[in-house]
Amino acid sequence: MLIATQNRTRYSDAELEEFRVVIVEKLEAAHLQLRFYIRQLTELADNEDAKIKNLDDAAVGSTEREYLSTLAVRQRSLIQHLENALIRIQNKVYGICRATGKLIARERLMAVPHATLSVDAKRTGAS
């Protein structure tokens, strides 16, 4: 259901449910990806002693651990943002730009479901 966002103060309950479904799917995928990163880090740690034969191997292992750790941290952050979006849906304030108070475009929310700023607010550097 496409309804012009001008003059509206919030998305309808039906629209919020559509967004909730999208967010839950993305949240499930994010949890799967995080578990993968954690599994990779665990395997790397478990096999590290057996693999390290020289300093070059140690450096590669360290770099790989740092990279996987960075990805895991980013994934945890995404999960938190998605969970916060679900709370905003529950409170019926989802999709409202925190800088302007206007509705964020549906297209933006479908692309970035945890967005809290409209494209215009993001462009102007609002926080």
C-alpha atoms as a PDB file:
ATOM      1  CA  MET A   1       0.000   0.000   0.000  1.00  0.00           C
ATOM      2  CA  LEU A   2       1.609   3.248  -1.155  1.00  0.00           C
ATOM      3  CA  ILE A   3       0.398   6.326   0.622  1.00  0.00           C
ATOM      4  CA  ALA A   4       2.091   9.679   0.224  1.00  0.00           C
ATOM      5  CA  THR A   5       4.238  10.398   3.260  1.00  0.00           C
ATOM      6  CA  GLN A   6       3.566  14.138   3.143  1.00  0.00           C
ATOM      7  CA  ASN A   7       1.209  15.326   5.882  1.00  0.00           C
ATOM      8  CA  ARG A   8       1.397  11.995   7.716  1.00  0.00           C
ATOM      9  CA  THR A   9       2.941  11.743  11.144  1.00  0.00           C
ATOM     10  CA  ARG A  10       3.551   7.986  11.197  1.00  0.00           C
ATOM     11  CA  TYR A  11       3.291   4.808   9.155  1.00  0.00           C
ATOM     12  CA  SER A  12       0.089   2.768   9.464  1.00  0.00           C
ATOM     13  CA  ASP A  13      -0.015  -0.409  11.537  1.00  0.00           C
ATOM     14  CA  ALA A  14      -0.105  -2.467   8.323  1.00  0.00           C
ATOM     15  CA  GLU A  15       2.977  -0.672   6.998  1.00  0.00           C
ATOM     16  CA  LEU A  16       4.753  -1.109  10.324  1.00  0.00           C
ATOM     17  CA  GLU A  17       4.049  -4.838  10.108  1.00  0.00           C
ATOM     18  CA  GLU A  18       5.605  -4.940   6.627  1.00  0.00           C
ATOM     19  CA  PHE A  19       8.718  -3.239   7.988  1.00  0.00           C
ATOM     20  CA  ARG A  20       8.760  -5.590  10.992  1.00  0.00           C
ATOM     21  CA  VAL A  21       8.827  -8.630   8.691  1.00  0.00           C
ATOM     22  CA  VAL A  22      11.743  -7.179   6.720  1.00  0.00           C
ATOM     23  CA  ILE A  23      13.649  -6.345   9.909  1.00  0.00           C
ATOM     24  CA  VAL A  24      13.086  -9.779  11.442  1.00  0.00           C
ATOM     25  CA  GLU A  25      14.432 -11.411   8.262  1.00  0.00           C
ATOM     26  CA  LYS A  26      17.496  -9.152   8.299  1.00  0.00           C
ATOM     27  CA  LEU A  27      17.970  -9.796  12.005  1.00  0.00           C
ATOM     28  CA  GLU A  28      17.930 -13.559  11.484  1.00  0.00           C
ATOM     29  CA  ALA A  29      20.490 -13.224   8.682  1.00  0.00           C
ATOM     30  CA  ALA A  30      22.657 -10.953  10.844  1.00  0.00           C
ATOM     31  CA  HIS A  31      22.605 -13.465  13.704  1.00  0.00           C
ATOM     32  CA  LEU A  32      23.638 -16.241  11.306  1.00  0.00           C
ATOM     33  CA  GLN A  33      26.500 -14.136  10.005  1.00  0.00           C
ATOM     34  CA  LEU A  34      27.648 -13.273  13.528  1.00  0.00           C
ATOM     35  CA  ARG A  35      27.630 -16.951  14.513  1.00  0.00           C
ATOM     36  CA  PHE A  36      29.750 -17.666  11.426  1.00  0.00           C
ATOM     37  CA  TYR A  37      32.321 -15.037  12.419  1.00  0.00           C
ATOM     38  CA  ILE A  38      32.451 -16.314  15.980  1.00  0.00           C
ATOM     39  CA  ARG A  39      32.860 -19.888  14.749  1.00  0.00           C
ATOM     40  CA  GLN A  40      35.692 -18.782  12.464  1.00  0.00           C
ATOM     41  CA  LEU A  41      37.404 -16.971  15.334  1.00  0.00           C
ATOM     42  CA  THR A  42      37.045 -20.019  17.583  1.00  0.00           C
ATOM     43  CA  GLU A  43      38.440 -22.359  14.937  1.00  0.00           C
ATOM     44  CA  LEU A  44      41.309 -19.978  14.290  1.00  0.00           C
ATOM     45  CA  ALA A  45      42.142 -19.858  17.989  1.00  0.00           C
ATOM     46  CA  ASP A  46      41.841 -23.642  18.373  1.00  0.00           C
ATOM     47  CA  ASN A  47      44.121 -24.331  15.415  1.00  0.00           C
ATOM     48  CA  GLU A  48      46.542 -21.473  15.929  1.00  0.00           C
ATOM     49  CA  ASP A  49      49.201 -23.457  17.791  1.00  0.00           C
ATOM     50  CA  ALA A  50      49.197 -26.225  15.181  1.00  0.00           C
ATOM     51  CA  LYS A  51      49.361 -23.803  12.242  1.00  0.00           C
ATOM     52  CA  ILE A  52      52.065 -21.422  13.414  1.00  0.00           C
ATOM     53  CA  LYS A  53      55.414 -22.603  12.104  1.00  0.00           C
ATOM     54  CA  ASN A  54      57.089 -19.257  11.674  1.00  0.00           C
ATOM     55  CA  LEU A  55      56.562 -15.543  12.241  1.00  0.00           C
ATOM     56  CA  ASP A  56      54.868 -15.083   8.858  1.00  0.00           C
ATOM     57  CA  ASP A  57      52.167 -17.589   9.841  1.00  0.00           C
ATOM     58  CA  ALA A  58      51.715 -15.804  13.168  1.00  0.00           C
ATOM     59  CA  ALA A  59      51.285 -12.446  11.405  1.00  0.00           C
ATOM     60  CA  VAL A  60      48.703 -13.852   8.984  1.00  0.00           C
ATOM     61  CA  GLY A  61      46.795 -15.415  11.862  1.00  0.00           C
ATOM     62  CA  SER A  62      46.827 -12.163  13.789  1.00  0.00           C
ATOM     63  CA  THR A  63      45.620 -10.176  10.785  1.00  0.00           C
ATOM     64  CA  GLU A  64      42.864 -12.684  10.098  1.00  0.00           C
ATOM     65  CA  ARG A  65      41.762 -12.587  13.756  1.00  0.00           C
ATOM     66  CA  GLU A  66      41.654  -8.784  13.720  1.00  0.00           C
ATOM     67  CA  TYR A  67      39.637  -8.780  10.502  1.00  0.00           C
ATOM     68  CA  LEU A  68      37.144 -11.343  11.804  1.00  0.00           C
ATOM     69  CA  SER A  69      36.885  -9.494  15.106  1.00  0.00           C
ATOM     70  CA  THR A  70      36.127  -6.248  13.279  1.00  0.00           C
ATOM     71  CA  LEU A  71      33.441  -7.980  11.215  1.00  0.00           C
ATOM     72  CA  ALA A  72      31.915  -9.505  14.365  1.00  0.00           C
ATOM     73  CA  VAL A  73      31.818  -6.120  16.117  1.00  0.00           C
ATOM     74  CA  ARG A  74      30.159  -4.528  13.093  1.00  0.00           C
ATOM     75  CA  GLN A  75      27.646  -7.379  12.947  1.00  0.00           C
ATOM     76  CA  ARG A  76      26.822  -6.958  16.649  1.00  0.00           C
ATOM     77  CA  SER A  77      26.254  -3.260  16.012  1.00  0.00           C
ATOM     78  CA  LEU A  78      23.911  -4.029  13.096  1.00  0.00           C
ATOM     79  CA  ILE A  79      21.975  -6.471  15.293  1.00  0.00           C
ATOM     80  CA  GLN A  80      21.583  -3.811  17.980  1.00  0.00           C
ATOM     81  CA  HIS A  81      20.367  -1.269  15.419  1.00  0.00           C
ATOM     82  CA  LEU A  82      17.840  -3.766  14.016  1.00  0.00           C
ATOM     83  CA  GLU A  83      16.612  -4.658  17.508  1.00  0.00           C
ATOM     84  CA  ASN A  84      16.200  -0.944  18.259  1.00  0.00           C
ATOM     85  CA  ALA A  85      14.185  -0.598  15.044  1.00  0.00           C
ATOM     86  CA  LEU A  86      11.840  -3.355  16.269  1.00  0.00           C
ATOM     87  CA  ILE A  87      11.343  -1.408  19.491  1.00  0.00           C
ATOM     88  CA  ARG A  88      10.516   1.714  17.477  1.00  0.00           C
ATOM     89  CA  ILE A  89       7.942  -0.319  15.519  1.00  0.00           C
ATOM     90  CA  GLN A  90       6.428  -1.584  18.766  1.00  0.00           C
ATOM     91  CA  ASN A  91       6.240   2.023  20.017  1.00  0.00           C
ATOM     92  CA  LYS A  92       4.819   3.149  16.640  1.00  0.00           C
ATOM     93  CA  VAL A  93       7.555   5.722  16.094  1.00  0.00           C
ATOM     94  CA  TYR A  94       9.428   3.731  13.450  1.00  0.00           C
ATOM     95  CA  GLY A  95      10.305   5.607  10.279  1.00  0.00           C
ATOM     96  CA  ILE A  96      10.216   9.064  11.813  1.00  0.00           C
ATOM     97  CA  CYS A  97      13.379  11.061  11.161  1.00  0.00           C
ATOM     98  CA  ARG A  98      14.990  11.963  14.471  1.00  0.00           C
ATOM     99  CA  ALA A  99      16.284  15.234  13.013  1.00  0.00           C
ATOM    100  CA  THR A 100      13.230  16.548  11.164  1.00  0.00           C
ATOM    101  CA  GLY A 101      10.325  14.642  12.720  1.00  0.00           C
ATOM    102  CA  LYS A 102       9.057  13.811   9.222  1.00  0.00           C
ATOM    103  CA  LEU A 103       8.570  10.336   7.796  1.00  0.00           C
ATOM    104  CA  ILE A 104      11.605   8.681   6.268  1.00  0.00           C
ATOM    105  CA  ALA A 105      10.908   7.519   2.715  1.00  0.00           C
ATOM    106  CA  ARG A 106       9.689   3.945   2.457  1.00  0.00           C
ATOM    107  CA  GLU A 107      12.385   3.179  -0.132  1.00  0.00           C
ATOM    108  CA  ARG A 108      15.104   4.239   2.310  1.00  0.00           C
ATOM    109  CA  LEU A 109      13.634   2.119   5.096  1.00  0.00           C
ATOM    110  CA  MET A 110      13.457  -0.911   2.822  1.00  0.00           C
ATOM    111  CA  ALA A 111      17.117  -0.424   1.893  1.00  0.00           C
ATOM    112  CA  VAL A 112      18.304   0.514   5.403  1.00  0.00           C
ATOM    113  CA  PRO A 113      15.574  -0.675   7.779  1.00  0.00           C
ATOM    114  CA  HIS A 114      17.358   0.632  10.870  1.00  0.00           C
ATOM    115  CA  ALA A 115      17.660   4.180   9.471  1.00  0.00           C
ATOM    116  CA  THR A 116      16.728   6.963  11.865  1.00  0.00           C
ATOM    117  CA  LEU A 117      17.498   9.856   9.529  1.00  0.00           C
ATOM    118  CA  SER A 118      15.921  10.823   6.223  1.00  0.00           C
ATOM    119  CA  VAL A 119      18.206  11.141   3.212  1.00  0.00           C
ATOM    120  CA  ASP A 120      18.003  14.933   3.428  1.00  0.00           C
ATOM    121  CA  ALA A 121      18.891  14.963   7.131  1.00  0.00           C
ATOM    122  CA  LYS A 122      21.751  12.538   6.498  1.00  0.00           C
ATOM    123  CA  ARG A 123      23.039  14.738   3.660  1.00  0.00           C
ATOM    124  CA  THR A 124      23.030  17.862   5.792  1.00  0.00           C
ATOM    125  CA  GLY A 125      24.873  16.078   8.579  1.00  0.00           C
ATOM    126  CA  ALA A 126      22.081  16.106  11.141  1.00  0.00           C
ATOM    127  CA  SER A 127      22.655  13.812  14.080  1.00  0.00           C
END
